[in-house]
N, C-alpha and C. Protein backbone atom coordinates (compact mmCIF):
# COMPACT_ATOMS: atom_id res chain seq x y z
N MET A 1 -8.84 -5.29 -10.37
CA MET A 1 -8.49 -3.76 -9.96
C MET A 1 -7.99 -2.98 -11.40
N ASN A 2 -7.59 -2.06 -11.03
CA ASN A 2 -6.73 -0.93 -11.88
C ASN A 2 -5.27 -1.37 -12.05
N ARG A 3 -5.32 -1.58 -13.01
CA ARG A 3 -3.64 -1.89 -13.56
C ARG A 3 -2.30 -0.93 -13.88
N ASP A 4 -3.41 0.38 -13.57
CA ASP A 4 -2.59 1.37 -14.36
C ASP A 4 -1.73 2.01 -13.45
N TYR A 5 -0.62 1.24 -12.74
CA TYR A 5 0.37 1.96 -11.67
C TYR A 5 1.03 3.07 -12.21
N GLY A 6 1.10 3.46 -13.52
CA GLY A 6 1.80 4.36 -13.92
C GLY A 6 1.02 5.98 -13.31
N ALA A 7 -0.36 6.07 -13.64
CA ALA A 7 -0.64 7.33 -13.24
C ALA A 7 -0.82 7.81 -12.06
N ARG A 8 -1.13 9.18 -11.91
CA ARG A 8 0.19 9.61 -10.67
C ARG A 8 -1.53 10.71 -10.51
N PRO A 9 -2.60 10.40 -9.18
CA PRO A 9 -2.95 11.08 -8.79
C PRO A 9 -2.62 12.93 -8.46
N THR A 10 -2.96 13.79 -8.92
CA THR A 10 -2.69 15.36 -8.63
C THR A 10 -3.78 15.42 -6.70
N PRO A 11 -2.41 16.40 -6.04
CA PRO A 11 -2.93 16.65 -4.81
C PRO A 11 -4.10 18.08 -4.69
N ALA A 12 -4.50 18.54 -6.05
CA ALA A 12 -5.46 19.06 -6.45
C ALA A 12 -6.74 18.75 -6.79
N TYR A 13 -6.53 17.33 -6.97
CA TYR A 13 -7.60 16.94 -7.06
C TYR A 13 -8.92 16.18 -5.54
N PRO A 14 -10.18 16.81 -5.64
CA PRO A 14 -10.68 16.83 -4.08
C PRO A 14 -10.47 15.40 -3.54
N GLY A 15 -10.62 15.48 -2.41
CA GLY A 15 -10.42 14.32 -1.53
C GLY A 15 -8.75 13.59 -2.12
N ALA A 16 -7.60 14.16 -2.38
CA ALA A 16 -6.15 13.79 -2.52
C ALA A 16 -5.54 14.22 -0.86
N ALA A 17 -4.66 13.60 -0.95
CA ALA A 17 -3.76 14.09 0.60
C ALA A 17 -2.42 13.99 -0.10
N ASP A 18 -2.07 14.51 0.59
CA ASP A 18 -0.28 14.74 0.08
C ASP A 18 0.42 14.24 0.50
N PRO A 19 1.35 13.38 -0.64
CA PRO A 19 1.80 11.96 -0.66
C PRO A 19 3.09 12.22 0.33
N ALA A 20 3.92 13.06 -0.37
CA ALA A 20 4.68 13.51 0.46
C ALA A 20 4.58 13.41 2.43
N GLU A 21 3.69 13.98 2.94
CA GLU A 21 3.18 13.83 3.60
C GLU A 21 2.88 12.15 4.41
N LEU A 22 2.24 11.82 3.49
CA LEU A 22 1.95 10.49 4.23
C LEU A 22 3.50 10.42 4.13
N THR A 23 4.35 9.59 2.96
CA THR A 23 5.48 9.69 3.20
C THR A 23 6.31 8.97 4.61
N ALA A 24 6.23 10.63 5.35
CA ALA A 24 6.91 11.12 6.57
C ALA A 24 6.19 10.83 7.22
N LEU A 25 4.90 10.20 7.56
CA LEU A 25 5.09 9.50 8.32
C LEU A 25 5.28 8.17 8.81
N GLY A 26 5.95 7.59 7.66
CA GLY A 26 6.51 6.11 7.83
C GLY A 26 7.83 6.09 8.21
N ILE A 27 8.81 7.70 8.44
CA ILE A 27 10.10 7.83 8.94
C ILE A 27 10.06 7.21 10.20
N GLY A 28 11.26 6.71 10.36
CA GLY A 28 11.29 6.03 12.18
C GLY A 28 10.92 4.92 12.52
N ARG A 29 9.83 4.20 11.14
CA ARG A 29 9.41 2.98 10.81
C ARG A 29 9.34 2.55 9.87
N LEU A 30 8.58 0.88 10.12
CA LEU A 30 8.87 -0.09 9.06
C LEU A 30 9.38 0.69 7.40
N PRO A 31 7.77 1.10 7.14
CA PRO A 31 7.97 2.09 5.90
C PRO A 31 8.89 2.57 5.49
N GLY A 32 9.70 3.36 6.61
CA GLY A 32 10.92 4.19 6.19
C GLY A 32 11.93 3.74 6.16
N THR A 33 11.81 2.59 7.21
CA THR A 33 12.86 1.87 6.97
C THR A 33 13.11 1.34 5.93
N LEU A 34 12.42 0.19 4.81
CA LEU A 34 12.30 -0.13 3.44
C LEU A 34 12.11 1.09 2.77
N GLY A 35 12.11 2.20 2.90
CA GLY A 35 12.11 3.15 1.32
C GLY A 35 11.13 3.01 1.14
N ILE A 36 9.83 2.80 1.59
CA ILE A 36 8.40 2.82 0.97
C ILE A 36 8.50 4.56 0.80
N LYS A 37 7.55 4.84 -0.14
CA LYS A 37 7.34 6.38 -0.63
C LYS A 37 5.87 6.29 -1.33
N ILE A 38 4.58 6.99 -0.66
CA ILE A 38 3.49 7.35 -1.46
C ILE A 38 3.69 7.92 -2.06
N THR A 39 3.44 7.33 -3.71
CA THR A 39 3.77 8.32 -4.72
C THR A 39 2.19 9.36 -5.39
N GLY A 40 0.82 8.20 -4.52
CA GLY A 40 -0.13 9.13 -4.96
C GLY A 40 -0.95 9.17 -3.86
N ALA A 41 -2.50 9.48 -3.70
CA ALA A 41 -2.79 9.33 -2.62
C ALA A 41 -4.59 10.30 -3.63
N LEU A 42 -5.44 9.65 -3.42
CA LEU A 42 -6.67 9.63 -3.37
C LEU A 42 -7.48 8.91 -2.22
N HIS A 43 -8.82 9.36 -2.06
CA HIS A 43 -10.06 8.84 -0.93
C HIS A 43 -10.26 7.35 -2.24
N GLY A 44 -9.75 6.36 -1.22
CA GLY A 44 -9.67 5.02 -2.11
C GLY A 44 -8.71 3.86 -2.95
N ARG A 45 -7.67 5.08 -3.17
CA ARG A 45 -6.69 4.82 -4.17
C ARG A 45 -5.09 4.96 -3.11
N ILE A 46 -4.22 4.35 -3.29
CA ILE A 46 -2.95 4.61 -3.11
C ILE A 46 -2.34 3.56 -3.76
N GLU A 47 -1.50 4.96 -3.61
CA GLU A 47 0.14 4.57 -5.44
C GLU A 47 1.49 4.82 -4.02
N ALA A 48 2.12 3.42 -4.00
CA ALA A 48 3.71 3.50 -3.43
C ALA A 48 4.72 2.73 -4.17
N GLU A 49 5.62 3.14 -3.72
CA GLU A 49 6.67 2.55 -4.38
C GLU A 49 7.80 2.13 -3.64
N MET A 50 8.69 1.00 -3.98
CA MET A 50 9.81 0.77 -2.98
C MET A 50 11.32 0.40 -4.04
N PRO A 51 11.78 0.96 -3.16
CA PRO A 51 13.53 0.61 -3.88
C PRO A 51 13.89 -1.12 -3.64
N VAL A 52 14.43 -1.77 -4.49
CA VAL A 52 14.75 -3.14 -4.81
C VAL A 52 16.45 -3.05 -4.43
N VAL A 53 16.78 -3.25 -2.85
CA VAL A 53 18.06 -2.79 -2.74
C VAL A 53 18.22 -4.65 -1.45
N PRO A 54 19.63 -4.38 -1.72
CA PRO A 54 19.45 -5.56 -0.45
C PRO A 54 19.05 -5.88 0.86
N ALA A 55 18.55 -4.64 1.62
CA ALA A 55 17.69 -4.86 2.56
C ALA A 55 16.57 -5.47 2.37
N VAL A 56 15.95 -5.19 1.08
CA VAL A 56 14.27 -5.98 0.88
C VAL A 56 14.85 -7.33 0.31
N LEU A 57 15.79 -8.35 0.43
CA LEU A 57 16.15 -9.47 -0.63
C LEU A 57 15.89 -10.24 0.05
N ALA A 58 15.72 -11.40 -0.14
CA ALA A 58 15.70 -12.47 0.90
C ALA A 58 17.25 -13.31 0.69
N PRO A 59 17.68 -14.29 1.12
CA PRO A 59 19.32 -14.54 1.12
C PRO A 59 19.32 -15.15 -0.03
N ASN A 60 18.17 -15.73 -1.03
CA ASN A 60 18.12 -16.06 -2.50
C ASN A 60 18.60 -14.87 -3.26
N GLY A 61 18.07 -13.64 -2.45
CA GLY A 61 18.68 -12.81 -3.70
C GLY A 61 17.34 -12.53 -4.51
N TYR A 62 16.76 -12.63 -4.70
CA TYR A 62 15.48 -12.19 -4.76
C TYR A 62 14.33 -11.66 -3.92
N LEU A 63 13.17 -10.72 -4.78
CA LEU A 63 12.32 -10.00 -3.43
C LEU A 63 11.84 -10.74 -2.14
N HIS A 64 12.07 -10.28 -0.80
CA HIS A 64 11.49 -11.05 0.03
C HIS A 64 9.93 -10.82 0.12
N ALA A 65 9.95 -12.07 0.41
CA ALA A 65 7.67 -12.11 0.06
C ALA A 65 7.40 -11.08 1.33
N ALA A 66 7.96 -10.84 2.64
CA ALA A 66 7.42 -9.89 3.72
C ALA A 66 7.42 -8.48 3.11
N SER A 67 8.53 -8.15 2.44
CA SER A 67 9.01 -6.64 1.79
C SER A 67 7.49 -6.56 0.93
N VAL A 68 7.02 -7.40 -0.25
CA VAL A 68 6.13 -7.36 -1.05
C VAL A 68 4.45 -7.33 0.24
N VAL A 69 4.76 -7.77 0.81
CA VAL A 69 3.71 -7.45 1.84
C VAL A 69 3.48 -6.97 2.94
N ALA A 70 4.47 -6.01 2.97
CA ALA A 70 5.04 -4.63 4.10
C ALA A 70 4.60 -3.36 2.85
N LEU A 71 4.92 -3.23 1.03
CA LEU A 71 4.62 -2.51 0.66
C LEU A 71 2.85 -2.46 -0.08
N ALA A 72 2.70 -3.30 0.28
CA ALA A 72 0.68 -3.28 -0.37
C ALA A 72 0.08 -3.24 0.77
N ASP A 73 0.68 -3.29 2.09
CA ASP A 73 0.19 -3.12 3.58
C ASP A 73 -0.20 -1.48 4.12
N THR A 74 1.03 -1.09 3.12
CA THR A 74 1.07 -0.11 4.22
C THR A 74 0.64 1.11 3.12
N ALA A 75 0.61 0.95 2.16
CA ALA A 75 -0.48 1.16 0.83
C ALA A 75 -1.96 1.16 0.75
N ALA A 76 -2.04 0.13 1.62
CA ALA A 76 -4.08 -0.14 1.75
C ALA A 76 -3.75 0.40 3.56
N GLY A 77 -3.16 0.62 4.18
CA GLY A 77 -2.94 1.57 5.68
C GLY A 77 -3.40 2.85 5.25
N PHE A 78 -2.21 3.26 4.33
CA PHE A 78 -2.74 4.78 4.39
C PHE A 78 -4.28 4.62 3.60
N GLY A 79 -4.38 4.20 2.76
CA GLY A 79 -5.84 4.24 2.09
C GLY A 79 -6.95 4.32 3.45
N CYS A 80 -6.65 3.12 4.07
CA CYS A 80 -8.35 3.04 5.20
C CYS A 80 -7.56 4.16 6.26
N ARG A 81 -7.04 4.84 6.10
CA ARG A 81 -6.48 5.88 7.27
C ARG A 81 -7.11 7.02 6.62
N LEU A 82 -6.81 7.29 5.69
CA LEU A 82 -7.78 8.44 4.76
C LEU A 82 -9.04 8.27 4.47
N SER A 83 -9.70 6.87 4.22
CA SER A 83 -11.01 6.58 4.18
C SER A 83 -11.84 7.00 5.41
N LEU A 84 -10.88 6.53 6.52
CA LEU A 84 -12.62 6.36 7.72
C LEU A 84 -13.48 6.79 7.60
N PRO A 85 -14.35 6.76 8.06
CA PRO A 85 -15.76 7.38 8.30
C PRO A 85 -16.02 8.30 9.35
N SER A 86 -16.45 8.92 9.13
CA SER A 86 -16.37 10.60 10.09
C SER A 86 -16.61 9.79 11.57
N GLY A 87 -16.16 10.24 12.63
CA GLY A 87 -15.83 9.76 13.94
C GLY A 87 -15.49 8.13 14.37
N ALA A 88 -15.34 7.84 13.82
CA ALA A 88 -14.19 6.51 13.64
C ALA A 88 -12.96 6.87 14.45
N ALA A 89 -11.96 5.97 15.40
CA ALA A 89 -10.87 6.50 15.75
C ALA A 89 -9.91 5.91 15.17
N GLY A 90 -9.76 5.29 14.76
CA GLY A 90 -8.99 4.19 13.87
C GLY A 90 -9.34 3.00 13.52
N PHE A 91 -7.95 1.77 12.94
CA PHE A 91 -8.63 0.55 12.65
C PHE A 91 -7.30 -0.46 12.67
N THR A 92 -7.51 -1.38 12.54
CA THR A 92 -6.11 -2.60 12.96
C THR A 92 -6.45 -3.63 11.89
N THR A 93 -6.10 -4.49 11.87
CA THR A 93 -5.62 -5.26 10.42
C THR A 93 -6.18 -6.61 11.09
N LEU A 94 -7.75 -7.19 10.65
CA LEU A 94 -8.32 -8.44 10.78
C LEU A 94 -7.65 -9.61 10.11
N GLU A 95 -7.62 -9.48 8.48
CA GLU A 95 -7.11 -10.11 8.08
C GLU A 95 -6.18 -10.04 6.41
N GLN A 96 -4.99 -10.85 5.89
CA GLN A 96 -4.50 -10.43 5.28
C GLN A 96 -4.08 -11.53 4.27
N LYS A 97 -3.70 -11.57 2.78
CA LYS A 97 -3.51 -12.31 2.36
C LYS A 97 -2.86 -12.61 1.33
N THR A 98 -2.00 -12.65 0.83
CA THR A 98 -1.09 -11.98 -0.86
C THR A 98 -0.92 -13.87 -1.48
N SER A 99 -0.67 -13.13 -2.97
CA SER A 99 -0.64 -14.37 -3.82
C SER A 99 0.58 -14.26 -4.85
N TYR A 100 1.71 -14.94 -4.28
CA TYR A 100 2.71 -14.23 -5.58
C TYR A 100 2.84 -14.55 -6.95
N VAL A 101 2.88 -13.79 -7.65
CA VAL A 101 3.08 -14.57 -9.57
C VAL A 101 4.41 -14.14 -9.90
N GLY A 102 5.24 -13.42 -9.27
CA GLY A 102 6.32 -13.36 -9.66
C GLY A 102 7.19 -12.51 -8.76
N THR A 103 8.74 -12.03 -9.52
CA THR A 103 9.87 -11.38 -8.13
C THR A 103 9.85 -10.59 -8.77
N ALA A 104 10.78 -9.66 -7.93
CA ALA A 104 12.31 -8.86 -8.88
C ALA A 104 13.83 -9.06 -7.92
N ARG A 105 14.60 -8.68 -8.70
CA ARG A 105 16.00 -8.40 -7.74
C ARG A 105 16.24 -7.23 -8.26
N THR A 106 16.13 -6.53 -8.76
CA THR A 106 16.65 -5.08 -8.83
C THR A 106 15.70 -4.09 -8.87
N GLY A 107 15.51 -2.46 -9.42
CA GLY A 107 14.62 -1.94 -9.68
C GLY A 107 13.78 -1.24 -8.49
N THR A 108 13.06 -1.25 -8.72
CA THR A 108 12.22 -0.45 -7.77
C THR A 108 10.33 -1.11 -8.19
N VAL A 109 9.78 -1.39 -7.18
CA VAL A 109 8.63 -2.37 -7.10
C VAL A 109 7.17 -1.54 -6.68
N ARG A 110 6.33 -1.56 -7.12
CA ARG A 110 5.04 -0.42 -7.04
C ARG A 110 3.84 -1.03 -6.78
N THR A 111 2.93 -0.07 -6.51
CA THR A 111 1.86 -1.03 -5.76
C THR A 111 0.75 -0.24 -5.60
N VAL A 112 -0.62 -0.20 -6.33
CA VAL A 112 -1.36 -0.18 -6.26
C VAL A 112 -2.59 -0.14 -5.28
N ALA A 113 -3.30 0.16 -4.15
CA ALA A 113 -3.80 -0.02 -3.37
C ALA A 113 -5.40 0.23 -3.52
N VAL A 114 -6.59 -0.64 -3.71
CA VAL A 114 -7.88 0.29 -3.82
C VAL A 114 -8.79 -0.14 -2.90
N LEU A 115 -10.05 0.74 -2.75
CA LEU A 115 -10.79 0.61 -1.27
C LEU A 115 -11.86 -0.35 -2.42
N VAL A 116 -12.39 -1.91 -2.07
CA VAL A 116 -13.35 -2.54 -2.33
C VAL A 116 -14.35 -2.45 -1.74
N HIS A 117 -14.59 -2.16 -0.57
CA HIS A 117 -15.49 -2.58 0.34
C HIS A 117 -15.22 -1.29 1.39
N GLY A 118 -16.00 -0.29 1.61
CA GLY A 118 -15.74 0.70 2.76
C GLY A 118 -17.24 0.53 3.51
N GLY A 119 -17.29 -0.39 4.83
CA GLY A 119 -18.34 -0.41 5.22
C GLY A 119 -18.17 0.56 6.41
N ARG A 120 -19.16 0.18 7.47
CA ARG A 120 -19.31 1.10 9.29
C ARG A 120 -18.31 0.06 9.77
N SER A 121 -18.20 -1.12 9.95
CA SER A 121 -17.62 -1.89 10.88
C SER A 121 -15.86 -2.59 10.17
N THR A 122 -15.72 -2.13 8.84
CA THR A 122 -14.66 -2.88 7.98
C THR A 122 -14.67 -2.53 6.67
N GLN A 123 -13.22 -2.50 6.70
CA GLN A 123 -13.02 -2.20 5.09
C GLN A 123 -12.16 -3.34 4.30
N VAL A 124 -12.44 -3.53 3.29
CA VAL A 124 -11.19 -4.28 2.40
C VAL A 124 -10.26 -3.45 0.93
N TRP A 125 -9.65 -3.98 1.48
CA TRP A 125 -8.61 -3.30 0.33
C TRP A 125 -7.82 -4.40 -0.64
N ASP A 126 -7.39 -4.20 -2.36
CA ASP A 126 -7.19 -4.95 -3.21
C ASP A 126 -5.72 -4.39 -3.37
N ALA A 127 -4.81 -4.82 -3.67
CA ALA A 127 -3.37 -4.03 -4.60
C ALA A 127 -3.02 -4.95 -5.29
N GLU A 128 -2.27 -4.60 -5.99
CA GLU A 128 -1.95 -5.53 -6.99
C GLU A 128 -0.40 -4.67 -6.68
N VAL A 129 1.24 -5.41 -6.81
CA VAL A 129 2.30 -4.99 -6.83
C VAL A 129 3.01 -5.59 -8.08
N PHE A 130 3.87 -4.45 -8.88
CA PHE A 130 4.51 -5.00 -9.86
C PHE A 130 5.74 -4.11 -10.04
N ASP A 131 6.65 -4.78 -11.33
CA ASP A 131 7.69 -4.96 -10.97
C ASP A 131 8.17 -3.35 -12.17
N ASP A 132 9.32 -2.91 -12.10
CA ASP A 132 9.82 -2.02 -13.58
C ASP A 132 8.81 -1.90 -14.42
N ASP A 133 8.85 -3.16 -15.37
CA ASP A 133 8.58 -3.44 -16.59
C ASP A 133 6.47 -3.64 -16.28
N GLY A 134 6.41 -3.15 -15.13
CA GLY A 134 4.72 -3.38 -15.28
C GLY A 134 4.42 -5.01 -14.93
N GLY A 135 5.20 -6.11 -15.25
CA GLY A 135 4.53 -7.20 -14.76
C GLY A 135 4.30 -7.61 -13.37
N ARG A 136 3.33 -8.15 -13.37
CA ARG A 136 2.36 -8.05 -11.22
C ARG A 136 3.28 -9.09 -10.97
N ILE A 137 3.71 -8.76 -9.47
CA ILE A 137 4.43 -9.54 -8.75
C ILE A 137 3.71 -10.90 -7.32
N ALA A 138 2.55 -9.47 -6.99
CA ALA A 138 1.43 -10.47 -6.29
C ALA A 138 -0.06 -9.63 -6.51
N LEU A 139 -0.64 -10.42 -5.69
CA LEU A 139 -1.93 -9.75 -5.29
C LEU A 139 -2.29 -9.70 -3.97
N PHE A 140 -2.45 -9.05 -3.27
CA PHE A 140 -3.19 -8.82 -1.91
C PHE A 140 -3.96 -8.34 -1.81
N ARG A 141 -5.02 -8.87 -0.29
CA ARG A 141 -6.19 -8.14 -0.28
C ARG A 141 -5.48 -8.26 1.09
N CYS A 142 -6.11 -6.94 2.15
CA CYS A 142 -6.86 -7.47 3.61
C CYS A 142 -8.12 -6.58 3.64
N THR A 143 -8.08 -7.12 5.51
CA THR A 143 -9.59 -6.72 5.78
C THR A 143 -9.71 -5.97 7.24
N GLN A 144 -9.58 -4.68 7.21
CA GLN A 144 -9.49 -3.58 8.05
C GLN A 144 -10.79 -3.81 9.65
N LEU A 145 -10.61 -3.98 10.01
CA LEU A 145 -11.80 -3.11 11.30
C LEU A 145 -11.27 -2.36 12.13
N LEU A 146 -12.57 -1.56 11.46
CA LEU A 146 -12.42 0.05 12.21
C LEU A 146 -13.03 0.33 13.25
N LEU A 147 -12.89 1.15 14.21
CA LEU A 147 -12.21 1.08 15.52
C LEU A 147 -13.04 2.54 15.93
N TRP A 148 -13.95 2.04 16.97
CA TRP A 148 -15.37 3.39 17.38
C TRP A 148 -14.93 3.80 18.98
N PRO A 149 -15.02 5.70 19.27
CA PRO A 149 -14.60 5.20 20.55
C PRO A 149 -15.51 4.81 21.14
N LYS A 150 -15.11 4.93 22.67
CA LYS A 150 -16.26 3.94 23.56
C LYS A 150 -17.46 4.81 23.76
């Protein structure tokens, strides 16, 4: 996986989407509630961040595991949406797996989600989540089932 979460694709690049428009889609839904912001969007690659605030912490004061999944899954979901083959009606999640290797208590966590398989019936996305210092917090993988009109 690409670990350069600091790189920011520009909307002028072919295949790019406007990160602000994607972020706006989350308003009033879980991504907006958690403060998730899309910071880069290209076909096959999405970057996002989330502030580490009390609402995303577990009772022990560390980043809640579900918050990490929400960040990575949001990035992968937007990536899948942007990478759907022509004619596909949408997608739904088949499987997710997250391995936690760190945590955060303050700052901002960031993710980079990358398309690793883009077939006609499924997509597989890998994401890494990082803390402010670039330390890896989690490795995430999801498989999306592509939906076709009947």
